[in-house]
PDB file of N, CA and C in Angstrom:
ATOM      1  N   MET A   1     220.154-183.860 -73.822  1.00  0.00           N
ATOM      2  CA  MET A   1     220.941-183.085 -72.878  1.00  0.00           C
ATOM      3  C   MET A   1     220.762-183.668 -71.479  1.00  0.00           C
ATOM      4  N   ALA A   2     221.829-184.040 -70.846  1.00  0.00           N
ATOM      5  CA  ALA A   2     221.771-184.764 -69.575  1.00  0.00           C
ATOM      6  C   ALA A   2     221.197-183.937 -68.437  1.00  0.00           C
ATOM      7  N   ASP A   3     221.423-182.616 -68.456  1.00  0.00           N
ATOM      8  CA  ASP A   3     220.973-181.825 -67.319  1.00  0.00           C
ATOM      9  C   ASP A   3     219.615-181.168 -67.527  1.00  0.00           C
ATOM     10  N   SER A   4     218.793-181.721 -68.433  1.00  0.00           N
ATOM     11  CA  SER A   4     217.465-181.143 -68.592  1.00  0.00           C
ATOM     12  C   SER A   4     216.596-181.565 -67.410  1.00  0.00           C
ATOM     13  N   LYS A   5     215.757-180.635 -66.956  1.00  0.00           N
ATOM     14  CA  LYS A   5     214.900-180.883 -65.797  1.00  0.00           C
ATOM     15  C   LYS A   5     213.568-181.465 -66.252  1.00  0.00           C
ATOM     16  N   PRO A   6     212.988-182.342 -65.444  1.00  0.00           N
ATOM     17  CA  PRO A   6     211.640-182.820 -65.791  1.00  0.00           C
ATOM     18  C   PRO A   6     210.622-181.697 -65.615  1.00  0.00           C
ATOM     19  N   VAL A   7     209.506-181.825 -66.308  1.00  0.00           N
ATOM     20  CA  VAL A   7     208.408-180.869 -66.163  1.00  0.00           C
ATOM     21  C   VAL A   7     207.343-181.523 -65.303  1.00  0.00           C
ATOM     22  N   GLU A   8     206.933-180.837 -64.249  1.00  0.00           N
ATOM     23  CA  GLU A   8     205.865-181.313 -63.371  1.00  0.00           C
ATOM     24  C   GLU A   8     204.673-180.381 -63.543  1.00  0.00           C
ATOM     25  N   PHE A   9     203.486-180.955 -63.654  1.00  0.00           N
ATOM     26  CA  PHE A   9     202.274-180.162 -63.824  1.00  0.00           C
ATOM     27  C   PHE A   9     201.508-180.096 -62.512  1.00  0.00           C
ATOM     28  N   CYS A  10     201.157-178.898 -62.084  1.00  0.00           N
ATOM     29  CA  CYS A  10     200.424-178.691 -60.835  1.00  0.00           C
ATOM     30  C   CYS A  10     198.921-178.655 -61.117  1.00  0.00           C
ATOM     31  N   GLY A  11     198.159-179.266 -60.217  1.00  0.00           N
ATOM     32  CA  GLY A  11     196.699-179.233 -60.344  1.00  0.00           C
ATOM     33  C   GLY A  11     196.233-179.756 -61.680  1.00  0.00           C
ATOM     34  N   SER A  12     195.360-178.999 -62.328  1.00  0.00           N
ATOM     35  CA  SER A  12     194.773-179.426 -63.604  1.00  0.00           C
ATOM     36  C   SER A  12     195.553-178.900 -64.810  1.00  0.00           C
ATOM     37  N   SER A  13     196.765-178.377 -64.592  1.00  0.00           N
ATOM     38  CA  SER A  13     197.474-177.708 -65.695  1.00  0.00           C
ATOM     39  C   SER A  13     197.744-178.619 -66.893  1.00  0.00           C
ATOM     40  N   LEU A  14     198.006-179.906 -66.655  1.00  0.00           N
ATOM     41  CA  LEU A  14     198.237-180.809 -67.791  1.00  0.00           C
ATOM     42  C   LEU A  14     196.950-180.992 -68.603  1.00  0.00           C
ATOM     43  N   GLU A  15     195.822-181.199 -67.925  1.00  0.00           N
ATOM     44  CA  GLU A  15     194.542-181.330 -68.632  1.00  0.00           C
ATOM     45  C   GLU A  15     194.217-180.027 -69.372  1.00  0.00           C
ATOM     46  N   ASP A  16     194.511-178.897 -68.722  1.00  0.00           N
ATOM     47  CA  ASP A  16     194.250-177.597 -69.355  1.00  0.00           C
ATOM     48  C   ASP A  16     195.087-177.447 -70.619  1.00  0.00           C
ATOM     49  N   LEU A  17     196.344-177.870 -70.554  1.00  0.00           N
ATOM     50  CA  LEU A  17     197.227-177.797 -71.721  1.00  0.00           C
ATOM     51  C   LEU A  17     196.726-178.715 -72.835  1.00  0.00           C
ATOM     52  N   ARG A  18     196.258-179.897 -72.462  1.00  0.00           N
ATOM     53  CA  ARG A  18     195.744-180.844 -73.464  1.00  0.00           C
ATOM     54  C   ARG A  18     194.497-180.323 -74.157  1.00  0.00           C
ATOM     55  N   ALA A  19     193.820-179.353 -73.550  1.00  0.00           N
ATOM     56  CA  ALA A  19     192.618-178.768 -74.152  1.00  0.00           C
ATOM     57  C   ALA A  19     192.965-177.697 -75.196  1.00  0.00           C
ATOM     58  N   PHE A  20     194.233-177.274 -75.265  1.00  0.00           N
ATOM     59  CA  PHE A  20     194.647-176.305 -76.281  1.00  0.00           C
ATOM     60  C   PHE A  20     194.486-176.943 -77.662  1.00  0.00           C
ATOM     61  N   PRO A  21     194.276-176.138 -78.699  1.00  0.00           N
ATOM     62  CA  PRO A  21     194.275-176.686 -80.062  1.00  0.00           C
ATOM     63  C   PRO A  21     195.653-177.292 -80.380  1.00  0.00           C
ATOM     64  N   LEU A  22     195.698-178.201 -81.328  1.00  0.00           N
ATOM     65  CA  LEU A  22     196.923-178.938 -81.635  1.00  0.00           C
ATOM     66  C   LEU A  22     198.128-178.022 -81.879  1.00  0.00           C
ATOM     67  N   THR A  23     197.962-176.981 -82.691  1.00  0.00           N
ATOM     68  CA  THR A  23     199.114-176.121 -83.006  1.00  0.00           C
ATOM     69  C   THR A  23     199.653-175.436 -81.754  1.00  0.00           C
ATOM     70  N   ALA A  24     198.760-174.971 -80.896  1.00  0.00           N
ATOM     71  CA  ALA A  24     199.185-174.307 -79.653  1.00  0.00           C
ATOM     72  C   ALA A  24     199.829-175.322 -78.708  1.00  0.00           C
ATOM     73  N   ARG A  25     199.311-176.552 -78.687  1.00  0.00           N
ATOM     74  CA  ARG A  25     199.900-177.617 -77.844  1.00  0.00           C
ATOM     75  C   ARG A  25     201.321-177.927 -78.295  1.00  0.00           C
ATOM     76  N   ARG A  26     201.497-178.037 -79.605  1.00  0.00           N
ATOM     77  CA  ARG A  26     202.842-178.320 -80.141  1.00  0.00           C
ATOM     78  C   ARG A  26     203.811-177.205 -79.773  1.00  0.00           C
ATOM     79  N   GLU A  27     203.359-175.970 -79.928  1.00  0.00           N
ATOM     80  CA  GLU A  27     204.213-174.817 -79.606  1.00  0.00           C
ATOM     81  C   GLU A  27     204.533-174.800 -78.111  1.00  0.00           C
ATOM     82  N   ALA A  28     203.543-175.129 -77.281  1.00  0.00           N
ATOM     83  CA  ALA A  28     203.759-175.188 -75.831  1.00  0.00           C
ATOM     84  C   ALA A  28     204.829-176.226 -75.506  1.00  0.00           C
ATOM     85  N   GLY A  29     204.752-177.388 -76.148  1.00  0.00           N
ATOM     86  CA  GLY A  29     205.756-178.437 -75.928  1.00  0.00           C
ATOM     87  C   GLY A  29     207.141-177.972 -76.324  1.00  0.00           C
ATOM     88  N   HIS A  30     207.224-177.270 -77.452  1.00  0.00           N
ATOM     89  CA  HIS A  30     208.507-176.756 -77.933  1.00  0.00           C
ATOM     90  C   HIS A  30     209.088-175.739 -76.939  1.00  0.00           C
ATOM     91  N   GLN A  31     208.239-174.846 -76.453  1.00  0.00           N
ATOM     92  CA  GLN A  31     208.712-173.806 -75.531  1.00  0.00           C
ATOM     93  C   GLN A  31     209.126-174.411 -74.192  1.00  0.00           C
ATOM     94  N   LEU A  32     208.363-175.383 -73.692  1.00  0.00           N
ATOM     95  CA  LEU A  32     208.735-176.040 -72.428  1.00  0.00           C
ATOM     96  C   LEU A  32     210.032-176.822 -72.594  1.00  0.00           C
ATOM     97  N   ASP A  33     210.241-177.399 -73.770  1.00  0.00           N
ATOM     98  CA  ASP A  33     211.490-178.098 -74.047  1.00  0.00           C
ATOM     99  C   ASP A  33     212.670-177.126 -73.992  1.00  0.00           C
ATOM    100  N   ARG A  34     212.491-175.924 -74.527  1.00  0.00           N
ATOM    101  CA  ARG A  34     213.539-174.890 -74.451  1.00  0.00           C
ATOM    102  C   ARG A  34     213.887-174.610 -72.988  1.00  0.00           C
ATOM    103  N   VAL A  35     212.851-174.444 -72.157  1.00  0.00           N
ATOM    104  CA  VAL A  35     213.067-174.147 -70.732  1.00  0.00           C
ATOM    105  C   VAL A  35     213.777-175.322 -70.058  1.00  0.00           C
ATOM    106  N   GLN A  36     213.344-176.543 -70.374  1.00  0.00           N
ATOM    107  CA  GLN A  36     213.967-177.736 -69.788  1.00  0.00           C
ATOM    108  C   GLN A  36     215.460-177.782 -70.058  1.00  0.00           C
ATOM    109  N   ASN A  37     215.858-177.270 -71.206  1.00  0.00           N
ATOM    110  CA  ASN A  37     217.257-177.324 -71.604  1.00  0.00           C
ATOM    111  C   ASN A  37     218.007-176.029 -71.313  1.00  0.00           C
ATOM    112  N   GLY A  38     217.469-175.245 -70.386  1.00  0.00           N
ATOM    113  CA  GLY A  38     218.173-174.074 -69.891  1.00  0.00           C
ATOM    114  C   GLY A  38     218.089-172.837 -70.769  1.00  0.00           C
ATOM    115  N   ARG A  39     217.179-172.841 -71.747  1.00  0.00           N
ATOM    116  CA  ARG A  39     217.030-171.670 -72.612  1.00  0.00           C
ATOM    117  C   ARG A  39     215.742-170.931 -72.264  1.00  0.00           C
ATOM    118  N   GLU A  40     215.646-169.714 -72.748  1.00  0.00           N
ATOM    119  CA  GLU A  40     214.428-168.936 -72.524  1.00  0.00           C
ATOM    120  C   GLU A  40     213.394-169.282 -73.589  1.00  0.00           C
ATOM    121  N   PRO A  41     212.118-169.182 -73.242  1.00  0.00           N
ATOM    122  CA  PRO A  41     211.080-169.332 -74.270  1.00  0.00           C
ATOM    123  C   PRO A  41     211.216-168.184 -75.277  1.00  0.00           C
ATOM    124  N   ASP A  42     210.641-168.347 -76.463  1.00  0.00           N
ATOM    125  CA  ASP A  42     210.727-167.301 -77.484  1.00  0.00           C
ATOM    126  C   ASP A  42     209.993-166.024 -77.074  1.00  0.00           C
ATOM    127  N   ASP A  43     208.848-166.162 -76.436  1.00  0.00           N
ATOM    128  CA  ASP A  43     208.043-164.998 -76.044  1.00  0.00           C
ATOM    129  C   ASP A  43     207.586-165.211 -74.608  1.00  0.00           C
ATOM    130  N   TRP A  44     208.089-164.398 -73.698  1.00  0.00           N
ATOM    131  CA  TRP A  44     207.802-164.599 -72.277  1.00  0.00           C
ATOM    132  C   TRP A  44     207.850-163.281 -71.530  1.00  0.00           C
ATOM    133  N   LYS A  45     207.333-163.304 -70.306  1.00  0.00           N
ATOM    134  CA  LYS A  45     207.514-162.170 -69.414  1.00  0.00           C
ATOM    135  C   LYS A  45     207.446-162.671 -67.976  1.00  0.00           C
ATOM    136  N   PRO A  46     208.143-161.979 -67.067  1.00  0.00           N
ATOM    137  CA  PRO A  46     208.087-162.371 -65.651  1.00  0.00           C
ATOM    138  C   PRO A  46     206.695-162.063 -65.093  1.00  0.00           C
ATOM    139  N   MET A  47     206.227-162.940 -64.212  1.00  0.00           N
ATOM    140  CA  MET A  47     204.910-162.741 -63.581  1.00  0.00           C
ATOM    141  C   MET A  47     205.092-162.654 -62.064  1.00  0.00           C
ATOM    142  N   THR A  48     205.750-161.597 -61.631  1.00  0.00           N
ATOM    143  CA  THR A  48     206.038-161.444 -60.204  1.00  0.00           C
ATOM    144  C   THR A  48     204.764-161.271 -59.380  1.00  0.00           C
ATOM    145  N   SER A  49     203.664-160.888 -60.030  1.00  0.00           N
ATOM    146  CA  SER A  49     202.397-160.766 -59.294  1.00  0.00           C
ATOM    147  C   SER A  49     201.916-162.136 -58.812  1.00  0.00           C
ATOM    148  N   VAL A  50     202.346-163.202 -59.495  1.00  0.00           N
ATOM    149  CA  VAL A  50     201.988-164.568 -59.090  1.00  0.00           C
ATOM    150  C   VAL A  50     202.968-165.066 -58.029  1.00  0.00           C
ATOM    151  N   GLY A  51     204.258-164.796 -58.241  1.00  0.00           N
ATOM    152  CA  GLY A  51     205.269-165.233 -57.284  1.00  0.00           C
ATOM    153  C   GLY A  51     206.669-165.010 -57.827  1.00  0.00           C
ATOM    154  N   ARG A  52     207.657-164.985 -56.951  1.00  0.00           N
ATOM    155  CA  ARG A  52     209.036-164.780 -57.379  1.00  0.00           C
ATOM    156  C   ARG A  52     209.507-165.931 -58.251  1.00  0.00           C
ATOM    157  N   GLY A  53     210.032-165.610 -59.421  1.00  0.00           N
ATOM    158  CA  GLY A  53     210.533-166.641 -60.314  1.00  0.00           C
ATOM    159  C   GLY A  53     209.493-167.199 -61.272  1.00  0.00           C
ATOM    160  N   VAL A  54     208.245-166.736 -61.171  1.00  0.00           N
ATOM    161  CA  VAL A  54     207.197-167.239 -62.073  1.00  0.00           C
ATOM    162  C   VAL A  54     207.309-166.520 -63.415  1.00  0.00           C
ATOM    163  N   THR A  55     207.231-167.291 -64.494  1.00  0.00           N
ATOM    164  CA  THR A  55     207.348-166.773 -65.851  1.00  0.00           C
ATOM    165  C   THR A  55     206.134-167.188 -66.667  1.00  0.00           C
ATOM    166  N   GLU A  56     205.736-166.320 -67.580  1.00  0.00           N
ATOM    167  CA  GLU A  56     204.613-166.595 -68.472  1.00  0.00           C
ATOM    168  C   GLU A  56     205.151-166.817 -69.878  1.00  0.00           C
ATOM    169  N   ILE A  57     204.809-167.958 -70.467  1.00  0.00           N
ATOM    170  CA  ILE A  57     205.104-168.204 -71.884  1.00  0.00           C
ATOM    171  C   ILE A  57     203.885-167.726 -72.665  1.00  0.00           C
ATOM    172  N   ARG A  58     204.145-166.915 -73.694  1.00  0.00           N
ATOM    173  CA  ARG A  58     203.044-166.387 -74.502  1.00  0.00           C
ATOM    174  C   ARG A  58     203.042-167.096 -75.859  1.00  0.00           C
ATOM    175  N   ILE A  59     201.915-167.703 -76.181  1.00  0.00           N
ATOM    176  CA  ILE A  59     201.757-168.418 -77.449  1.00  0.00           C
ATOM    177  C   ILE A  59     200.596-167.776 -78.191  1.00  0.00           C
ATOM    178  N   ARG A  60     200.836-167.456 -79.459  1.00  0.00           N
ATOM    179  CA  ARG A  60     199.777-166.876 -80.274  1.00  0.00           C
ATOM    180  C   ARG A  60     199.736-167.635 -81.596  1.00  0.00           C
ATOM    181  N   ASP A  61     198.565-168.103 -81.954  1.00  0.00           N
ATOM    182  CA  ASP A  61     198.408-168.725 -83.276  1.00  0.00           C
ATOM    183  C   ASP A  61     197.012-168.426 -83.802  1.00  0.00           C
ATOM    184  N   GLU A  62     196.650-169.051 -84.923  1.00  0.00           N
ATOM    185  CA  GLU A  62     195.360-168.720 -85.537  1.00  0.00           C
ATOM    186  C   GLU A  62     194.173-169.047 -84.626  1.00  0.00           C
ATOM    187  N   ALA A  63     194.364-169.944 -83.675  1.00  0.00           N
ATOM    188  CA  ALA A  63     193.279-170.306 -82.750  1.00  0.00           C
ATOM    189  C   ALA A  63     193.134-169.301 -81.608  1.00  0.00           C
ATOM    190  N   GLY A  64     194.110-168.407 -81.442  1.00  0.00           N
ATOM    191  CA  GLY A  64     194.016-167.413 -80.382  1.00  0.00           C
ATOM    192  C   GLY A  64     195.308-167.288 -79.595  1.00  0.00           C
ATOM    193  N   ALA A  65     195.180-166.753 -78.380  1.00  0.00           N
ATOM    194  CA  ALA A  65     196.340-166.547 -77.505  1.00  0.00           C
ATOM    195  C   ALA A  65     196.253-167.524 -76.337  1.00  0.00           C
ATOM    196  N   PHE A  66     197.400-168.078 -75.976  1.00  0.00           N
ATOM    197  CA  PHE A  66     197.457-169.066 -74.901  1.00  0.00           C
ATOM    198  C   PHE A  66     198.615-168.728 -73.981  1.00  0.00           C
ATOM    199  N   ARG A  67     198.460-169.067 -72.704  1.00  0.00           N
ATOM    200  CA  ARG A  67     199.481-168.758 -71.719  1.00  0.00           C
ATOM    201  C   ARG A  67     199.829-169.984 -70.886  1.00  0.00           C
ATOM    202  N   ILE A  68     201.103-170.068 -70.530  1.00  0.00           N
ATOM    203  CA  ILE A  68     201.581-171.103 -69.624  1.00  0.00           C
ATOM    204  C   ILE A  68     202.371-170.391 -68.537  1.00  0.00           C
ATOM    205  N   LEU A  69     201.948-170.552 -67.299  1.00  0.00           N
ATOM    206  CA  LEU A  69     202.677-169.964 -66.177  1.00  0.00           C
ATOM    207  C   LEU A  69     203.480-171.066 -65.510  1.00  0.00           C
ATOM    208  N   TYR A  70     204.776-170.838 -65.369  1.00  0.00           N
ATOM    209  CA  TYR A  70     205.643-171.865 -64.799  1.00  0.00           C
ATOM    210  C   TYR A  70     206.711-171.237 -63.920  1.00  0.00           C
ATOM    211  N   VAL A  71     207.348-172.095 -63.109  1.00  0.00           N
ATOM    212  CA  VAL A  71     208.484-171.655 -62.303  1.00  0.00           C
ATOM    213  C   VAL A  71     209.605-172.665 -62.517  1.00  0.00           C
ATOM    214  N   ALA A  72     210.811-172.153 -62.810  1.00  0.00           N
ATOM    215  CA  ALA A  72     211.941-173.028 -63.124  1.00  0.00           C
ATOM    216  C   ALA A  72     213.085-172.849 -62.130  1.00  0.00           C
ATOM    217  N   LYS A  73     212.833-172.139 -61.010  1.00  0.00           N
ATOM    218  CA  LYS A  73     213.946-171.821 -60.117  1.00  0.00           C
ATOM    219  C   LYS A  73     214.318-172.961 -59.171  1.00  0.00           C
ATOM    220  N   PHE A  74     213.522-174.009 -59.130  1.00  0.00           N
ATOM    221  CA  PHE A  74     213.829-175.139 -58.245  1.00  0.00           C
ATOM    222  C   PHE A  74     214.770-176.102 -58.947  1.00  0.00           C
ATOM    223  N   ALA A  75     215.643-176.746 -58.186  1.00  0.00           N
ATOM    224  CA  ALA A  75     216.666-177.621 -58.770  1.00  0.00           C
ATOM    225  C   ALA A  75     216.080-178.897 -59.360  1.00  0.00           C
ATOM    226  N   ASP A  76     214.981-179.396 -58.778  1.00  0.00           N
ATOM    227  CA  ASP A  76     214.489-180.724 -59.156  1.00  0.00           C
ATOM    228  C   ASP A  76     213.628-180.768 -60.408  1.00  0.00           C
ATOM    229  N   ALA A  77     212.894-179.684 -60.716  1.00  0.00           N
ATOM    230  CA  ALA A  77     211.963-179.734 -61.847  1.00  0.00           C
ATOM    231  C   ALA A  77     211.501-178.344 -62.251  1.00  0.00           C
ATOM    232  N   ILE A  78     210.853-178.297 -63.405  1.00  0.00           N
ATOM    233  CA  ILE A  78     210.139-177.101 -63.856  1.00  0.00           C
ATOM    234  C   ILE A  78     208.681-177.376 -63.523  1.00  0.00           C
ATOM    235  N   TYR A  79     208.058-176.459 -62.820  1.00  0.00           N
ATOM    236  CA  TYR A  79     206.674-176.662 -62.401  1.00  0.00           C
ATOM    237  C   TYR A  79     205.743-175.770 -63.215  1.00  0.00           C
ATOM    238  N   VAL A  80     204.823-176.408 -63.947  1.00  0.00           N
ATOM    239  CA  VAL A  80     203.812-175.671 -64.698  1.00  0.00           C
ATOM    240  C   VAL A  80     202.659-175.421 -63.734  1.00  0.00           C
ATOM    241  N   LEU A  81     202.422-174.153 -63.437  1.00  0.00           N
ATOM    242  CA  LEU A  81     201.400-173.779 -62.460  1.00  0.00           C
ATOM    243  C   LEU A  81     200.011-173.706 -63.082  1.00  0.00           C
ATOM    244  N   HIS A  82     199.942-173.202 -64.322  1.00  0.00           N
ATOM    245  CA  HIS A  82     198.628-172.969 -64.920  1.00  0.00           C
ATOM    246  C   HIS A  82     198.783-172.795 -66.430  1.00  0.00           C
ATOM    247  N   CYS A  83     197.821-173.345 -67.196  1.00  0.00           N
ATOM    248  CA  CYS A  83     197.759-173.182 -68.646  1.00  0.00           C
ATOM    249  C   CYS A  83     196.342-172.726 -68.974  1.00  0.00           C
ATOM    250  N   PHE A  84     196.226-171.697 -69.809  1.00  0.00           N
ATOM    251  CA  PHE A  84     194.886-171.201 -70.111  1.00  0.00           C
ATOM    252  C   PHE A  84     194.882-170.422 -71.426  1.00  0.00           C
ATOM    253  N   PRO A  85     193.705-170.416 -72.099  1.00  0.00           N
ATOM    254  CA  PRO A  85     193.561-169.553 -73.271  1.00  0.00           C
ATOM    255  C   PRO A  85     193.354-168.120 -72.772  1.00  0.00           C
ATOM    256  N   LYS A  86     193.948-167.181 -73.458  1.00  0.00           N
ATOM    257  CA  LYS A  86     193.812-165.775 -73.045  1.00  0.00           C
ATOM    258  C   LYS A  86     192.698-165.142 -73.853  1.00  0.00           C
ATOM    259  N   LYS A  87     191.671-164.690 -73.165  1.00  0.00           N
ATOM    260  CA  LYS A  87     190.482-164.186 -73.846  1.00  0.00           C
ATOM    261  C   LYS A  87     190.453-162.654 -73.924  1.00  0.00           C
ATOM    262  N   THR A  88     191.147-162.000 -73.004  1.00  0.00           N
ATOM    263  CA  THR A  88     191.107-160.533 -72.940  1.00  0.00           C
ATOM    264  C   THR A  88     192.522-159.989 -72.903  1.00  0.00           C
ATOM    265  N   GLU A  89     192.641-158.682 -73.015  1.00  0.00           N
ATOM    266  CA  GLU A  89     193.944-158.019 -73.001  1.00  0.00           C
ATOM    267  C   GLU A  89     194.675-158.294 -71.686  1.00  0.00           C
ATOM    268  N   LYS A  90     193.932-158.228 -70.598  1.00  0.00           N
ATOM    269  CA  LYS A  90     194.524-158.393 -69.266  1.00  0.00           C
ATOM    270  C   LYS A  90     194.249-159.809 -68.768  1.00  0.00           C
ATOM    271  N   THR A  91     195.241-160.429 -68.156  1.00  0.00           N
ATOM    272  CA  THR A  91     195.049-161.774 -67.595  1.00  0.00           C
ATOM    273  C   THR A  91     194.024-161.692 -66.465  1.00  0.00           C
ATOM    274  N   SER A  92     193.058-162.598 -66.468  1.00  0.00           N
ATOM    275  CA  SER A  92     191.987-162.534 -65.473  1.00  0.00           C
ATOM    276  C   SER A  92     192.515-162.770 -64.068  1.00  0.00           C
ATOM    277  N   GLN A  93     191.858-162.137 -63.123  1.00  0.00           N
ATOM    278  CA  GLN A  93     192.240-162.271 -61.712  1.00  0.00           C
ATOM    279  C   GLN A  93     192.121-163.727 -61.265  1.00  0.00           C
ATOM    280  N   ALA A  94     191.118-164.432 -61.769  1.00  0.00           N
ATOM    281  CA  ALA A  94     190.921-165.836 -61.396  1.00  0.00           C
ATOM    282  C   ALA A  94     192.114-166.683 -61.837  1.00  0.00           C
ATOM    283  N   ASP A  95     192.628-166.440 -63.048  1.00  0.00           N
ATOM    284  CA  ASP A  95     193.796-167.178 -63.535  1.00  0.00           C
ATOM    285  C   ASP A  95     195.022-166.856 -62.687  1.00  0.00           C
ATOM    286  N   LEU A  96     195.210-165.594 -62.357  1.00  0.00           N
ATOM    287  CA  LEU A  96     196.362-165.191 -61.528  1.00  0.00           C
ATOM    288  C   LEU A  96     196.279-165.802 -60.133  1.00  0.00           C
ATOM    289  N   GLU A  97     195.070-165.779 -59.550  1.00  0.00           N
ATOM    290  CA  GLU A  97     194.897-166.322 -58.196  1.00  0.00           C
ATOM    291  C   GLU A  97     195.121-167.832 -58.168  1.00  0.00           C
ATOM    292  N   LEU A  98     194.643-168.534 -59.195  1.00  0.00           N
ATOM    293  CA  LEU A  98     194.841-169.983 -59.269  1.00  0.00           C
ATOM    294  C   LEU A  98     196.334-170.309 -59.342  1.00  0.00           C
ATOM    295  N   ALA A  99     197.060-169.611 -60.205  1.00  0.00           N
ATOM    296  CA  ALA A  99     198.500-169.837 -60.332  1.00  0.00           C
ATOM    297  C   ALA A  99     199.219-169.496 -59.029  1.00  0.00           C
ATOM    298  N   ALA A 100     198.827-168.406 -58.382  1.00  0.00           N
ATOM    299  CA  ALA A 100     199.462-167.996 -57.123  1.00  0.00           C
ATOM    300  C   ALA A 100     199.207-169.029 -56.028  1.00  0.00           C
ATOM    301  N   ARG A 101     197.989-169.587 -55.991  1.00  0.00           N
ATOM    302  CA  ARG A 101     197.673-170.603 -54.986  1.00  0.00           C
ATOM    303  C   ARG A 101     198.528-171.852 -55.208  1.00  0.00           C
ATOM    304  N   ARG A 102     198.654-172.279 -56.456  1.00  0.00           N
ATOM    305  CA  ARG A 102     199.484-173.448 -56.761  1.00  0.00           C
ATOM    306  C   ARG A 102     200.954-173.171 -56.441  1.00  0.00           C
ATOM    307  N   TYR A 103     201.396-171.942 -56.657  1.00  0.00           N
ATOM    308  CA  TYR A 103     202.771-171.563 -56.341  1.00  0.00           C
ATOM    309  C   TYR A 103     203.014-171.659 -54.827  1.00  0.00           C
ATOM    310  N   ARG A 104     202.068-171.139 -54.048  1.00  0.00           N
ATOM    311  CA  ARG A 104     202.202-171.206 -52.580  1.00  0.00           C
ATOM    312  C   ARG A 104     202.212-172.661 -52.099  1.00  0.00           C
ATOM    313  N   GLU A 105     201.353-173.502 -52.684  1.00  0.00           N
ATOM    314  CA  GLU A 105     201.339-174.933 -52.318  1.00  0.00           C
ATOM    315  C   GLU A 105     202.670-175.581 -52.644  1.00  0.00           C
ATOM    316  N   LEU A 106     203.238-175.211 -53.769  1.00  0.00           N
ATOM    317  CA  LEU A 106     204.530-175.751 -54.195  1.00  0.00           C
ATOM    318  C   LEU A 106     205.638-175.360 -53.206  1.00  0.00           C
ATOM    319  N   LEU A 107     205.622-174.102 -52.786  1.00  0.00           N
ATOM    320  CA  LEU A 107     206.603-173.631 -51.818  1.00  0.00           C
ATOM    321  C   LEU A 107     206.469-174.403 -50.500  1.00  0.00           C
ATOM    322  N   LYS A 108     205.226-174.613 -50.088  1.00  0.00           N
ATOM    323  CA  LYS A 108     204.976-175.345 -48.844  1.00  0.00           C
ATOM    324  C   LYS A 108     205.507-176.783 -48.944  1.00  0.00           C
ATOM    325  N   GLU A 109     205.194-177.451 -50.069  1.00  0.00           N
ATOM    326  CA  GLU A 109     205.641-178.827 -50.265  1.00  0.00           C
ATOM    327  C   GLU A 109     207.165-178.953 -50.310  1.00  0.00           C
ATOM    328  N   SER A 110     207.808-177.947 -50.930  1.00  0.00           N
ATOM    329  CA  SER A 110     209.265-178.033 -51.085  1.00  0.00           C
ATOM    330  C   SER A 110     210.000-177.492 -49.869  1.00  0.00           C
ATOM    331  N   GLY A 111     209.249-176.969 -48.897  1.00  0.00           N
ATOM    332  CA  GLY A 111     209.866-176.456 -47.674  1.00  0.00           C
ATOM    333  C   GLY A 111     210.647-175.170 -47.895  1.00  0.00           C
ATOM    334  N   GLN A 112     210.266-174.405 -48.920  1.00  0.00           N
ATOM    335  CA  GLN A 112     210.955-173.135 -49.214  1.00  0.00           C
ATOM    336  C   GLN A 112     210.410-172.005 -48.362  1.00  0.00           C
TER     337      GLN A 112
END
């Protein structure tokens, strides 16, 4: 598809994603590919607490629960803010703050 956007990884998000188990990594790639091609991920929710336009992809497999926080509202790329295994029912404050900080840096860089 010609109009698919590139995926850019902020901070350590690519290394964090590579640390996921193989099945979760494959699913993450599939879901990001859906987003790149203008479709919604299969399981997602808006994360307005992190920033406007931030979305969470939810991945669950036998290895556990995994999350990818990204923003796709910019014309040039899809930015993956943070990837992490989900250990508790509620997303940790540290994970939310890290994603929010990367989001603010992204806004600053893009002059938004």
